[in-house]
Amino acid sequence: MYQILDSLKNIPLQDILSLLNVLILFIGFLFGIYQWAHANKLKRAEFLKQIIEKLYFDEQLSRFMYDKIEYNNDIWYTNDFHGGPNEDLTDKFLLNINYICYLRDLKIIKQTNLRF
């Protein structure tokens, strides 16, 4: 230990200050990366929240999901489906689900973001 302290006496003060500057810069860089990753995670969560709110709180979509998809055992895709009121709701619902899958394929959102 004494040898290390003795060898530090031979290093000029300017070199020690330069080393400290590099160390502080490196710590600041790591902190910046951490902040950036945290901000991206929050943006992904907020973005997904907006899509999910659209699915759950849009009165027509939530009623459609509840009535037709979740609890309806009847066949609702019949010949009069096209041009009927369910066609637009089905398209709107599937468009949102497709968009979530698209974002997942692009790795903008992750599987862990989809767990509730």
PDB file of N, CA and C in Angstrom:
ATOM      1  N   MET A   1       0.824  -1.181   0.000  1.00  0.00           N
ATOM      2  CA  MET A   1       0.000   0.000   0.000  1.00  0.00           C
ATOM      3  C   MET A   1       0.874   1.253   0.000  1.00  0.00           C
ATOM      4  N   TYR A   2       1.947   1.182   0.785  1.00  0.00           N
ATOM      5  CA  TYR A   2       2.849   2.321   0.873  1.00  0.00           C
ATOM      6  C   TYR A   2       3.486   2.616  -0.489  1.00  0.00           C
ATOM      7  N   GLN A   3       3.767   1.548  -1.253  1.00  0.00           N
ATOM      8  CA  GLN A   3       4.388   1.729  -2.567  1.00  0.00           C
ATOM      9  C   GLN A   3       3.442   2.447  -3.526  1.00  0.00           C
ATOM     10  N   ILE A   4       2.149   2.129  -3.433  1.00  0.00           N
ATOM     11  CA  ILE A   4       1.168   2.779  -4.306  1.00  0.00           C
ATOM     12  C   ILE A   4       1.086   4.268  -3.972  1.00  0.00           C
ATOM     13  N   LEU A   5       1.014   4.587  -2.691  1.00  0.00           N
ATOM     14  CA  LEU A   5       0.944   5.989  -2.281  1.00  0.00           C
ATOM     15  C   LEU A   5       2.225   6.730  -2.643  1.00  0.00           C
ATOM     16  N   ASP A   6       3.327   6.046  -2.535  1.00  0.00           N
ATOM     17  CA  ASP A   6       4.610   6.663  -2.870  1.00  0.00           C
ATOM     18  C   ASP A   6       4.697   6.929  -4.369  1.00  0.00           C
ATOM     19  N   SER A   7       4.162   6.009  -5.181  1.00  0.00           N
ATOM     20  CA  SER A   7       4.206   6.206  -6.636  1.00  0.00           C
ATOM     21  C   SER A   7       3.256   7.318  -7.081  1.00  0.00           C
ATOM     22  N   LEU A   8       2.183   7.563  -6.330  1.00  0.00           N
ATOM     23  CA  LEU A   8       1.259   8.642  -6.667  1.00  0.00           C
ATOM     24  C   LEU A   8       1.901  10.016  -6.488  1.00  0.00           C
ATOM     25  N   LYS A   9       2.899  10.112  -5.626  1.00  0.00           N
ATOM     26  CA  LYS A   9       3.589  11.388  -5.413  1.00  0.00           C
ATOM     27  C   LYS A   9       4.343  11.820  -6.666  1.00  0.00           C
ATOM     28  N   ASN A  10       4.719  10.838  -7.506  1.00  0.00           N
ATOM     29  CA  ASN A  10       5.497  11.139  -8.702  1.00  0.00           C
ATOM     30  C   ASN A  10       4.620  11.546  -9.891  1.00  0.00           C
ATOM     31  N   ILE A  11       3.301  11.394  -9.797  1.00  0.00           N
ATOM     32  CA  ILE A  11       2.398  11.740 -10.892  1.00  0.00           C
ATOM     33  C   ILE A  11       2.065  13.234 -10.787  1.00  0.00           C
ATOM     34  N   PRO A  12       2.209  13.951 -11.888  1.00  0.00           N
ATOM     35  CA  PRO A  12       1.901  15.388 -11.852  1.00  0.00           C
ATOM     36  C   PRO A  12       0.425  15.640 -11.536  1.00  0.00           C
ATOM     37  N   LEU A  13       0.148  16.747 -10.903  1.00  0.00           N
ATOM     38  CA  LEU A  13      -1.208  17.118 -10.513  1.00  0.00           C
ATOM     39  C   LEU A  13      -2.112  17.263 -11.729  1.00  0.00           C
ATOM     40  N   GLN A  14      -1.602  17.747 -12.830  1.00  0.00           N
ATOM     41  CA  GLN A  14      -2.398  17.918 -14.048  1.00  0.00           C
ATOM     42  C   GLN A  14      -2.899  16.566 -14.562  1.00  0.00           C
ATOM     43  N   ASP A  15      -2.074  15.532 -14.481  1.00  0.00           N
ATOM     44  CA  ASP A  15      -2.496  14.189 -14.914  1.00  0.00           C
ATOM     45  C   ASP A  15      -3.587  13.633 -13.999  1.00  0.00           C
ATOM     46  N   ILE A  16      -3.455  13.864 -12.714  1.00  0.00           N
ATOM     47  CA  ILE A  16      -4.477  13.396 -11.767  1.00  0.00           C
ATOM     48  C   ILE A  16      -5.806  14.105 -12.036  1.00  0.00           C
ATOM     49  N   LEU A  17      -5.758  15.421 -12.287  1.00  0.00           N
ATOM     50  CA  LEU A  17      -6.983  16.166 -12.591  1.00  0.00           C
ATOM     51  C   LEU A  17      -7.602  15.705 -13.906  1.00  0.00           C
ATOM     52  N   SER A  18      -6.774  15.414 -14.880  1.00  0.00           N
ATOM     53  CA  SER A  18      -7.281  14.898 -16.156  1.00  0.00           C
ATOM     54  C   SER A  18      -7.975  13.558 -15.957  1.00  0.00           C
ATOM     55  N   LEU A  19      -7.387  12.695 -15.159  1.00  0.00           N
ATOM     56  CA  LEU A  19      -7.985  11.394 -14.867  1.00  0.00           C
ATOM     57  C   LEU A  19      -9.323  11.557 -14.138  1.00  0.00           C
ATOM     58  N   LEU A  20      -9.369  12.494 -13.185  1.00  0.00           N
ATOM     59  CA  LEU A  20     -10.627  12.755 -12.486  1.00  0.00           C
ATOM     60  C   LEU A  20     -11.695  13.296 -13.432  1.00  0.00           C
ATOM     61  N   ASN A  21     -11.300  14.148 -14.371  1.00  0.00           N
ATOM     62  CA  ASN A  21     -12.253  14.664 -15.357  1.00  0.00           C
ATOM     63  C   ASN A  21     -12.823  13.540 -16.213  1.00  0.00           C
ATOM     64  N   VAL A  22     -11.975  12.636 -16.642  1.00  0.00           N
ATOM     65  CA  VAL A  22     -12.433  11.498 -17.451  1.00  0.00           C
ATOM     66  C   VAL A  22     -13.367  10.612 -16.629  1.00  0.00           C
ATOM     67  N   LEU A  23     -13.034  10.408 -15.378  1.00  0.00           N
ATOM     68  CA  LEU A  23     -13.876   9.593 -14.507  1.00  0.00           C
ATOM     69  C   LEU A  23     -15.256  10.241 -14.307  1.00  0.00           C
ATOM     70  N   ILE A  24     -15.277  11.535 -14.066  1.00  0.00           N
ATOM     71  CA  ILE A  24     -16.546  12.253 -13.901  1.00  0.00           C
ATOM     72  C   ILE A  24     -17.349  12.224 -15.192  1.00  0.00           C
ATOM     73  N   LEU A  25     -16.680  12.383 -16.329  1.00  0.00           N
ATOM     74  CA  LEU A  25     -17.351  12.310 -17.623  1.00  0.00           C
ATOM     75  C   LEU A  25     -17.971  10.932 -17.845  1.00  0.00           C
ATOM     76  N   PHE A  26     -17.249   9.895 -17.492  1.00  0.00           N
ATOM     77  CA  PHE A  26     -17.746   8.528 -17.647  1.00  0.00           C
ATOM     78  C   PHE A  26     -18.968   8.288 -16.755  1.00  0.00           C
ATOM     79  N   ILE A  27     -18.913   8.757 -15.525  1.00  0.00           N
ATOM     80  CA  ILE A  27     -20.057   8.607 -14.612  1.00  0.00           C
ATOM     81  C   ILE A  27     -21.267   9.377 -15.155  1.00  0.00           C
ATOM     82  N   GLY A  28     -21.026  10.578 -15.667  1.00  0.00           N
ATOM     83  CA  GLY A  28     -22.110  11.356 -16.262  1.00  0.00           C
ATOM     84  C   GLY A  28     -22.702  10.666 -17.482  1.00  0.00           C
ATOM     85  N   PHE A  29     -21.847  10.046 -18.292  1.00  0.00           N
ATOM     86  CA  PHE A  29     -22.315   9.297 -19.459  1.00  0.00           C
ATOM     87  C   PHE A  29     -23.202   8.128 -19.047  1.00  0.00           C
ATOM     88  N   LEU A  30     -22.774   7.369 -18.044  1.00  0.00           N
ATOM     89  CA  LEU A  30     -23.584   6.245 -17.554  1.00  0.00           C
ATOM     90  C   LEU A  30     -24.918   6.724 -16.994  1.00  0.00           C
ATOM     91  N   PHE A  31     -24.908   7.834 -16.274  1.00  0.00           N
ATOM     92  CA  PHE A  31     -26.131   8.395 -15.733  1.00  0.00           C
ATOM     93  C   PHE A  31     -27.062   8.838 -16.864  1.00  0.00           C
ATOM     94  N   GLY A  32     -26.494   9.412 -17.911  1.00  0.00           N
ATOM     95  CA  GLY A  32     -27.292   9.817 -19.073  1.00  0.00           C
ATOM     96  C   GLY A  32     -27.946   8.626 -19.763  1.00  0.00           C
ATOM     97  N   ILE A  33     -27.201   7.546 -19.903  1.00  0.00           N
ATOM     98  CA  ILE A  33     -27.769   6.332 -20.512  1.00  0.00           C
ATOM     99  C   ILE A  33     -28.895   5.786 -19.642  1.00  0.00           C
ATOM    100  N   TYR A  34     -28.701   5.795 -18.334  1.00  0.00           N
ATOM    101  CA  TYR A  34     -29.743   5.319 -17.425  1.00  0.00           C
ATOM    102  C   TYR A  34     -31.005   6.183 -17.558  1.00  0.00           C
ATOM    103  N   GLN A  35     -30.837   7.501 -17.589  1.00  0.00           N
ATOM    104  CA  GLN A  35     -31.988   8.404 -17.716  1.00  0.00           C
ATOM    105  C   GLN A  35     -32.699   8.190 -19.049  1.00  0.00           C
ATOM    106  N   TRP A  36     -31.940   8.001 -20.107  1.00  0.00           N
ATOM    107  CA  TRP A  36     -32.522   7.787 -21.428  1.00  0.00           C
ATOM    108  C   TRP A  36     -33.331   6.487 -21.462  1.00  0.00           C
ATOM    109  N   ALA A  37     -32.770   5.417 -20.919  1.00  0.00           N
ATOM    110  CA  ALA A  37     -33.479   4.130 -20.894  1.00  0.00           C
ATOM    111  C   ALA A  37     -34.740   4.228 -20.045  1.00  0.00           C
ATOM    112  N   HIS A  38     -34.656   4.911 -18.928  1.00  0.00           N
ATOM    113  CA  HIS A  38     -35.825   5.080 -18.062  1.00  0.00           C
ATOM    114  C   HIS A  38     -36.911   5.905 -18.765  1.00  0.00           C
ATOM    115  N   ALA A  39     -36.516   6.960 -19.462  1.00  0.00           N
ATOM    116  CA  ALA A  39     -37.484   7.793 -20.189  1.00  0.00           C
ATOM    117  C   ALA A  39     -38.152   7.004 -21.311  1.00  0.00           C
ATOM    118  N   ASN A  40     -37.381   6.163 -22.011  1.00  0.00           N
ATOM    119  CA  ASN A  40     -37.965   5.338 -23.069  1.00  0.00           C
ATOM    120  C   ASN A  40     -38.967   4.348 -22.505  1.00  0.00           C
ATOM    121  N   LYS A  41     -38.656   3.785 -21.366  1.00  0.00           N
ATOM    122  CA  LYS A  41     -39.567   2.836 -20.732  1.00  0.00           C
ATOM    123  C   LYS A  41     -40.872   3.532 -20.355  1.00  0.00           C
ATOM    124  N   LEU A  42     -40.778   4.739 -19.826  1.00  0.00           N
ATOM    125  CA  LEU A  42     -41.982   5.495 -19.472  1.00  0.00           C
ATOM    126  C   LEU A  42     -42.790   5.877 -20.708  1.00  0.00           C
ATOM    127  N   LYS A  43     -42.112   6.243 -21.796  1.00  0.00           N
ATOM    128  CA  LYS A  43     -42.815   6.588 -23.039  1.00  0.00           C
ATOM    129  C   LYS A  43     -43.553   5.378 -23.589  1.00  0.00           C
ATOM    130  N   ARG A  44     -42.901   4.208 -23.563  1.00  0.00           N
ATOM    131  CA  ARG A  44     -43.563   2.986 -24.045  1.00  0.00           C
ATOM    132  C   ARG A  44     -44.796   2.674 -23.210  1.00  0.00           C
ATOM    133  N   ALA A  45     -44.665   2.805 -21.904  1.00  0.00           N
ATOM    134  CA  ALA A  45     -45.794   2.518 -21.016  1.00  0.00           C
ATOM    135  C   ALA A  45     -46.933   3.498 -21.268  1.00  0.00           C
ATOM    136  N   GLU A  46     -46.631   4.773 -21.443  1.00  0.00           N
ATOM    137  CA  GLU A  46     -47.668   5.772 -21.696  1.00  0.00           C
ATOM    138  C   GLU A  46     -48.345   5.529 -23.041  1.00  0.00           C
ATOM    139  N   PHE A  47     -47.555   5.171 -24.044  1.00  0.00           N
ATOM    140  CA  PHE A  47     -48.085   4.901 -25.368  1.00  0.00           C
ATOM    141  C   PHE A  47     -49.026   3.701 -25.351  1.00  0.00           C
ATOM    142  N   LEU A  48     -48.600   2.648 -24.681  1.00  0.00           N
ATOM    143  CA  LEU A  48     -49.433   1.457 -24.572  1.00  0.00           C
ATOM    144  C   LEU A  48     -50.691   1.747 -23.763  1.00  0.00           C
ATOM    145  N   LYS A  49     -50.555   2.562 -22.732  1.00  0.00           N
ATOM    146  CA  LYS A  49     -51.708   2.947 -21.918  1.00  0.00           C
ATOM    147  C   LYS A  49     -52.756   3.663 -22.765  1.00  0.00           C
ATOM    148  N   GLN A  50     -52.323   4.518 -23.670  1.00  0.00           N
ATOM    149  CA  GLN A  50     -53.256   5.234 -24.536  1.00  0.00           C
ATOM    150  C   GLN A  50     -54.021   4.267 -25.443  1.00  0.00           C
ATOM    151  N   ILE A  51     -53.309   3.291 -25.988  1.00  0.00           N
ATOM    152  CA  ILE A  51     -53.971   2.316 -26.859  1.00  0.00           C
ATOM    153  C   ILE A  51     -54.966   1.474 -26.063  1.00  0.00           C
ATOM    154  N   ILE A  52     -54.561   1.028 -24.888  1.00  0.00           N
ATOM    155  CA  ILE A  52     -55.433   0.188 -24.068  1.00  0.00           C
ATOM    156  C   ILE A  52     -56.639   0.987 -23.573  1.00  0.00           C
ATOM    157  N   GLU A  53     -56.426   2.253 -23.234  1.00  0.00           N
ATOM    158  CA  GLU A  53     -57.559   3.090 -22.836  1.00  0.00           C
ATOM    159  C   GLU A  53     -58.553   3.219 -23.977  1.00  0.00           C
ATOM    160  N   LYS A  54     -58.041   3.321 -25.194  1.00  0.00           N
ATOM    161  CA  LYS A  54     -58.929   3.411 -26.348  1.00  0.00           C
ATOM    162  C   LYS A  54     -59.759   2.136 -26.473  1.00  0.00           C
ATOM    163  N   LEU A  55     -59.132   0.990 -26.213  1.00  0.00           N
ATOM    164  CA  LEU A  55     -59.859  -0.276 -26.318  1.00  0.00           C
ATOM    165  C   LEU A  55     -60.893  -0.432 -25.203  1.00  0.00           C
ATOM    166  N   TYR A  56     -60.541  -0.045 -23.986  1.00  0.00           N
ATOM    167  CA  TYR A  56     -61.422  -0.298 -22.852  1.00  0.00           C
ATOM    168  C   TYR A  56     -62.433   0.805 -22.597  1.00  0.00           C
ATOM    169  N   PHE A  57     -62.066   2.041 -22.860  1.00  0.00           N
ATOM    170  CA  PHE A  57     -62.953   3.134 -22.480  1.00  0.00           C
ATOM    171  C   PHE A  57     -63.748   3.712 -23.628  1.00  0.00           C
ATOM    172  N   ASP A  58     -63.491   3.275 -24.847  1.00  0.00           N
ATOM    173  CA  ASP A  58     -64.376   3.618 -25.952  1.00  0.00           C
ATOM    174  C   ASP A  58     -65.631   2.770 -25.754  1.00  0.00           C
ATOM    175  N   GLU A  59     -66.745   3.428 -25.511  1.00  0.00           N
ATOM    176  CA  GLU A  59     -67.964   2.712 -25.108  1.00  0.00           C
ATOM    177  C   GLU A  59     -68.385   1.669 -26.136  1.00  0.00           C
ATOM    178  N   GLN A  60     -68.315   2.027 -27.417  1.00  0.00           N
ATOM    179  CA  GLN A  60     -68.718   1.075 -28.447  1.00  0.00           C
ATOM    180  C   GLN A  60     -67.769  -0.119 -28.507  1.00  0.00           C
ATOM    181  N   LEU A  61     -66.481   0.155 -28.428  1.00  0.00           N
ATOM    182  CA  LEU A  61     -65.514  -0.944 -28.499  1.00  0.00           C
ATOM    183  C   LEU A  61     -65.595  -1.863 -27.293  1.00  0.00           C
ATOM    184  N   SER A  62     -65.747  -1.279 -26.107  1.00  0.00           N
ATOM    185  CA  SER A  62     -65.807  -2.137 -24.923  1.00  0.00           C
ATOM    186  C   SER A  62     -67.083  -2.971 -24.918  1.00  0.00           C
ATOM    187  N   ARG A  63     -68.182  -2.402 -25.364  1.00  0.00           N
ATOM    188  CA  ARG A  63     -69.428  -3.168 -25.453  1.00  0.00           C
ATOM    189  C   ARG A  63     -69.291  -4.273 -26.496  1.00  0.00           C
ATOM    190  N   PHE A  64     -68.640  -3.959 -27.613  1.00  0.00           N
ATOM    191  CA  PHE A  64     -68.419  -4.961 -28.656  1.00  0.00           C
ATOM    192  C   PHE A  64     -67.553  -6.102 -28.124  1.00  0.00           C
ATOM    193  N   MET A  65     -66.442  -5.773 -27.452  1.00  0.00           N
ATOM    194  CA  MET A  65     -65.574  -6.823 -26.907  1.00  0.00           C
ATOM    195  C   MET A  65     -66.327  -7.680 -25.905  1.00  0.00           C
ATOM    196  N   TYR A  66     -67.090  -7.032 -25.050  1.00  0.00           N
ATOM    197  CA  TYR A  66     -67.815  -7.757 -24.010  1.00  0.00           C
ATOM    198  C   TYR A  66     -68.919  -8.626 -24.608  1.00  0.00           C
ATOM    199  N   ASP A  67     -69.731  -8.035 -25.473  1.00  0.00           N
ATOM    200  CA  ASP A  67     -70.897  -8.754 -26.012  1.00  0.00           C
ATOM    201  C   ASP A  67     -70.528  -9.795 -27.054  1.00  0.00           C
ATOM    202  N   LYS A  68     -69.696  -9.428 -27.991  1.00  0.00           N
ATOM    203  CA  LYS A  68     -69.475 -10.288 -29.149  1.00  0.00           C
ATOM    204  C   LYS A  68     -68.273 -11.220 -29.009  1.00  0.00           C
ATOM    205  N   ILE A  69     -67.247 -10.774 -28.356  1.00  0.00           N
ATOM    206  CA  ILE A  69     -66.030 -11.588 -28.315  1.00  0.00           C
ATOM    207  C   ILE A  69     -65.944 -12.411 -27.041  1.00  0.00           C
ATOM    208  N   GLU A  70     -66.182 -11.765 -25.920  1.00  0.00           N
ATOM    209  CA  GLU A  70     -65.948 -12.462 -24.657  1.00  0.00           C
ATOM    210  C   GLU A  70     -67.075 -13.409 -24.256  1.00  0.00           C
ATOM    211  N   TYR A  71     -68.318 -12.987 -24.378  1.00  0.00           N
ATOM    212  CA  TYR A  71     -69.415 -13.797 -23.828  1.00  0.00           C
ATOM    213  C   TYR A  71     -70.441 -14.290 -24.831  1.00  0.00           C
ATOM    214  N   ASN A  72     -70.262 -14.038 -26.088  1.00  0.00           N
ATOM    215  CA  ASN A  72     -71.264 -14.455 -27.058  1.00  0.00           C
ATOM    216  C   ASN A  72     -70.847 -15.766 -27.706  1.00  0.00           C
ATOM    217  N   ASN A  73     -71.624 -16.797 -27.489  1.00  0.00           N
ATOM    218  CA  ASN A  73     -71.352 -18.084 -28.107  1.00  0.00           C
ATOM    219  C   ASN A  73     -72.073 -18.239 -29.436  1.00  0.00           C
ATOM    220  N   ASP A  74     -72.955 -17.293 -29.741  1.00  0.00           N
ATOM    221  CA  ASP A  74     -73.678 -17.348 -31.008  1.00  0.00           C
ATOM    222  C   ASP A  74     -72.744 -16.988 -32.158  1.00  0.00           C
ATOM    223  N   ILE A  75     -73.116 -17.433 -33.325  1.00  0.00           N
ATOM    224  CA  ILE A  75     -72.353 -17.073 -34.514  1.00  0.00           C
ATOM    225  C   ILE A  75     -72.805 -15.680 -34.933  1.00  0.00           C
ATOM    226  N   TRP A  76     -71.935 -14.718 -34.871  1.00  0.00           N
ATOM    227  CA  TRP A  76     -72.306 -13.349 -35.190  1.00  0.00           C
ATOM    228  C   TRP A  76     -71.773 -12.911 -36.539  1.00  0.00           C
ATOM    229  N   TYR A  77     -70.952 -13.752 -37.166  1.00  0.00           N
ATOM    230  CA  TYR A  77     -70.462 -13.425 -38.504  1.00  0.00           C
ATOM    231  C   TYR A  77     -71.370 -14.130 -39.501  1.00  0.00           C
ATOM    232  N   THR A  78     -72.394 -13.446 -39.892  1.00  0.00           N
ATOM    233  CA  THR A  78     -73.376 -13.991 -40.833  1.00  0.00           C
ATOM    234  C   THR A  78     -73.338 -13.182 -42.121  1.00  0.00           C
ATOM    235  N   ASN A  79     -74.237 -13.499 -43.028  1.00  0.00           N
ATOM    236  CA  ASN A  79     -74.278 -12.819 -44.331  1.00  0.00           C
ATOM    237  C   ASN A  79     -74.573 -11.327 -44.200  1.00  0.00           C
ATOM    238  N   ASP A  80     -75.308 -10.932 -43.176  1.00  0.00           N
ATOM    239  CA  ASP A  80     -75.632  -9.506 -43.022  1.00  0.00           C
ATOM    240  C   ASP A  80     -74.574  -8.752 -42.209  1.00  0.00           C
ATOM    241  N   PHE A  81     -73.448  -9.382 -41.949  1.00  0.00           N
ATOM    242  CA  PHE A  81     -72.368  -8.725 -41.215  1.00  0.00           C
ATOM    243  C   PHE A  81     -71.817  -7.527 -41.991  1.00  0.00           C
ATOM    244  N   HIS A  82     -71.572  -7.735 -43.305  1.00  0.00           N
ATOM    245  CA  HIS A  82     -70.995  -6.661 -44.127  1.00  0.00           C
ATOM    246  C   HIS A  82     -72.011  -5.546 -44.307  1.00  0.00           C
ATOM    247  N   GLY A  83     -71.575  -4.354 -43.961  1.00  0.00           N
ATOM    248  CA  GLY A  83     -72.455  -3.197 -44.042  1.00  0.00           C
ATOM    249  C   GLY A  83     -73.268  -2.987 -42.781  1.00  0.00           C
ATOM    250  N   GLY A  84     -73.191  -3.923 -41.858  1.00  0.00           N
ATOM    251  CA  GLY A  84     -73.939  -3.809 -40.602  1.00  0.00           C
ATOM    252  C   GLY A  84     -73.137  -3.059 -39.549  1.00  0.00           C
ATOM    253  N   PRO A  85     -73.739  -2.832 -38.396  1.00  0.00           N
ATOM    254  CA  PRO A  85     -73.054  -2.065 -37.346  1.00  0.00           C
ATOM    255  C   PRO A  85     -71.844  -2.793 -36.750  1.00  0.00           C
ATOM    256  N   ASN A  86     -71.847  -4.114 -36.793  1.00  0.00           N
ATOM    257  CA  ASN A  86     -70.727  -4.862 -36.210  1.00  0.00           C
ATOM    258  C   ASN A  86     -69.472  -4.829 -37.071  1.00  0.00           C
ATOM    259  N   GLU A  87     -69.621  -4.578 -38.358  1.00  0.00           N
ATOM    260  CA  GLU A  87     -68.447  -4.560 -39.231  1.00  0.00           C
ATOM    261  C   GLU A  87     -67.502  -3.420 -38.852  1.00  0.00           C
ATOM    262  N   ASP A  88     -68.028  -2.236 -38.637  1.00  0.00           N
ATOM    263  CA  ASP A  88     -67.183  -1.094 -38.268  1.00  0.00           C
ATOM    264  C   ASP A  88     -66.520  -1.315 -36.911  1.00  0.00           C
ATOM    265  N   LEU A  89     -67.277  -1.848 -35.955  1.00  0.00           N
ATOM    266  CA  LEU A  89     -66.710  -2.103 -34.627  1.00  0.00           C
ATOM    267  C   LEU A  89     -65.629  -3.178 -34.691  1.00  0.00           C
ATOM    268  N   THR A  90     -65.871  -4.209 -35.487  1.00  0.00           N
ATOM    269  CA  THR A  90     -64.872  -5.268 -35.639  1.00  0.00           C
ATOM    270  C   THR A  90     -63.603  -4.712 -36.268  1.00  0.00           C
ATOM    271  N   ASP A  91     -63.773  -3.896 -37.309  1.00  0.00           N
ATOM    272  CA  ASP A  91     -62.607  -3.293 -37.956  1.00  0.00           C
ATOM    273  C   ASP A  91     -61.837  -2.396 -36.993  1.00  0.00           C
ATOM    274  N   LYS A  92     -62.558  -1.599 -36.228  1.00  0.00           N
ATOM    275  CA  LYS A  92     -61.922  -0.686 -35.278  1.00  0.00           C
ATOM    276  C   LYS A  92     -61.166  -1.476 -34.195  1.00  0.00           C
ATOM    277  N   PHE A  93     -61.789  -2.516 -33.680  1.00  0.00           N
ATOM    278  CA  PHE A  93     -61.174  -3.355 -32.658  1.00  0.00           C
ATOM    279  C   PHE A  93     -59.914  -4.046 -33.197  1.00  0.00           C
ATOM    280  N   LEU A  94     -60.049  -4.683 -34.358  1.00  0.00           N
ATOM    281  CA  LEU A  94     -58.919  -5.413 -34.931  1.00  0.00           C
ATOM    282  C   LEU A  94     -57.797  -4.475 -35.361  1.00  0.00           C
ATOM    283  N   LEU A  95     -58.134  -3.265 -35.766  1.00  0.00           N
ATOM    284  CA  LEU A  95     -57.110  -2.291 -36.124  1.00  0.00           C
ATOM    285  C   LEU A  95     -56.241  -1.949 -34.909  1.00  0.00           C
ATOM    286  N   ASN A  96     -56.865  -1.748 -33.765  1.00  0.00           N
ATOM    287  CA  ASN A  96     -56.102  -1.454 -32.553  1.00  0.00           C
ATOM    288  C   ASN A  96     -55.246  -2.632 -32.114  1.00  0.00           C
ATOM    289  N   ILE A  97     -55.803  -3.831 -32.167  1.00  0.00           N
ATOM    290  CA  ILE A  97     -55.037  -5.027 -31.807  1.00  0.00           C
ATOM    291  C   ILE A  97     -53.884  -5.232 -32.793  1.00  0.00           C
ATOM    292  N   ASN A  98     -54.146  -5.019 -34.066  1.00  0.00           N
ATOM    293  CA  ASN A  98     -53.107  -5.148 -35.081  1.00  0.00           C
ATOM    294  C   ASN A  98     -51.994  -4.127 -34.855  1.00  0.00           C
ATOM    295  N   TYR A  99     -52.349  -2.927 -34.437  1.00  0.00           N
ATOM    296  CA  TYR A  99     -51.352  -1.891 -34.177  1.00  0.00           C
ATOM    297  C   TYR A  99     -50.457  -2.273 -32.995  1.00  0.00           C
ATOM    298  N   ILE A 100     -51.047  -2.857 -31.970  1.00  0.00           N
ATOM    299  CA  ILE A 100     -50.253  -3.328 -30.830  1.00  0.00           C
ATOM    300  C   ILE A 100     -49.274  -4.415 -31.285  1.00  0.00           C
ATOM    301  N   CYS A 101     -49.738  -5.327 -32.124  1.00  0.00           N
ATOM    302  CA  CYS A 101     -48.851  -6.384 -32.635  1.00  0.00           C
ATOM    303  C   CYS A 101     -47.743  -5.800 -33.520  1.00  0.00           C
ATOM    304  N   TYR A 102     -48.084  -4.795 -34.315  1.00  0.00           N
ATOM    305  CA  TYR A 102     -47.099  -4.128 -35.160  1.00  0.00           C
ATOM    306  C   TYR A 102     -46.014  -3.465 -34.313  1.00  0.00           C
ATOM    307  N   LEU A 103     -46.417  -2.782 -33.250  1.00  0.00           N
ATOM    308  CA  LEU A 103     -45.444  -2.143 -32.363  1.00  0.00           C
ATOM    309  C   LEU A 103     -44.565  -3.176 -31.672  1.00  0.00           C
ATOM    310  N   ARG A 104     -45.139  -4.318 -31.369  1.00  0.00           N
ATOM    311  CA  ARG A 104     -44.347  -5.385 -30.749  1.00  0.00           C
ATOM    312  C   ARG A 104     -43.349  -5.967 -31.732  1.00  0.00           C
ATOM    313  N   ASP A 105     -43.770  -6.140 -32.990  1.00  0.00           N
ATOM    314  CA  ASP A 105     -42.847  -6.643 -34.015  1.00  0.00           C
ATOM    315  C   ASP A 105     -41.678  -5.691 -34.248  1.00  0.00           C
ATOM    316  N   LEU A 106     -41.939  -4.391 -34.152  1.00  0.00           N
ATOM    317  CA  LEU A 106     -40.876  -3.405 -34.315  1.00  0.00           C
ATOM    318  C   LEU A 106     -40.038  -3.240 -33.048  1.00  0.00           C
ATOM    319  N   LYS A 107     -40.428  -3.942 -31.993  1.00  0.00           N
ATOM    320  CA  LYS A 107     -39.756  -3.902 -30.688  1.00  0.00           C
ATOM    321  C   LYS A 107     -39.836  -2.520 -30.038  1.00  0.00           C
ATOM    322  N   ILE A 108     -40.902  -1.793 -30.369  1.00  0.00           N
ATOM    323  CA  ILE A 108     -41.164  -0.524 -29.700  1.00  0.00           C
ATOM    324  C   ILE A 108     -41.772  -0.804 -28.336  1.00  0.00           C
ATOM    325  N   ILE A 109     -42.648  -1.787 -28.286  1.00  0.00           N
ATOM    326  CA  ILE A 109     -43.142  -2.283 -27.015  1.00  0.00           C
ATOM    327  C   ILE A 109     -42.691  -3.729 -26.875  1.00  0.00           C
ATOM    328  N   LYS A 110     -42.621  -4.182 -25.640  1.00  0.00           N
ATOM    329  CA  LYS A 110     -42.124  -5.535 -25.378  1.00  0.00           C
ATOM    330  C   LYS A 110     -43.246  -6.389 -24.793  1.00  0.00           C
ATOM    331  N   GLN A 111     -43.013  -7.669 -24.766  1.00  0.00           N
ATOM    332  CA  GLN A 111     -43.984  -8.603 -24.187  1.00  0.00           C
ATOM    333  C   GLN A 111     -44.273  -8.250 -22.747  1.00  0.00           C
ATOM    334  N   THR A 112     -43.260  -7.814 -22.028  1.00  0.00           N
ATOM    335  CA  THR A 112     -43.464  -7.468 -20.616  1.00  0.00           C
ATOM    336  C   THR A 112     -44.373  -6.255 -20.456  1.00  0.00           C
ATOM    337  N   ASN A 113     -44.431  -5.374 -21.484  1.00  0.00           N
ATOM    338  CA  ASN A 113     -45.345  -4.237 -21.425  1.00  0.00           C
ATOM    339  C   ASN A 113     -46.808  -4.677 -21.550  1.00  0.00           C
ATOM    340  N   LEU A 114     -47.033  -5.862 -22.073  1.00  0.00           N
ATOM    341  CA  LEU A 114     -48.394  -6.341 -22.319  1.00  0.00           C
ATOM    342  C   LEU A 114     -48.954  -7.162 -21.169  1.00  0.00           C
ATOM    343  N   ARG A 115     -48.178  -7.346 -20.118  1.00  0.00           N
ATOM    344  CA  ARG A 115     -48.675  -8.101 -18.966  1.00  0.00           C
ATOM    345  C   ARG A 115     -49.420  -7.172 -18.042  1.00  0.00           C
ATOM    346  N   PHE A 116     -50.545  -7.661 -17.557  1.00  0.00           N
ATOM    347  CA  PHE A 116     -51.379  -6.837 -16.656  1.00  0.00           C
ATOM    348  C   PHE A 116     -51.463  -7.479 -15.308  1.00  0.00           C
TER     349      PHE A 116
END
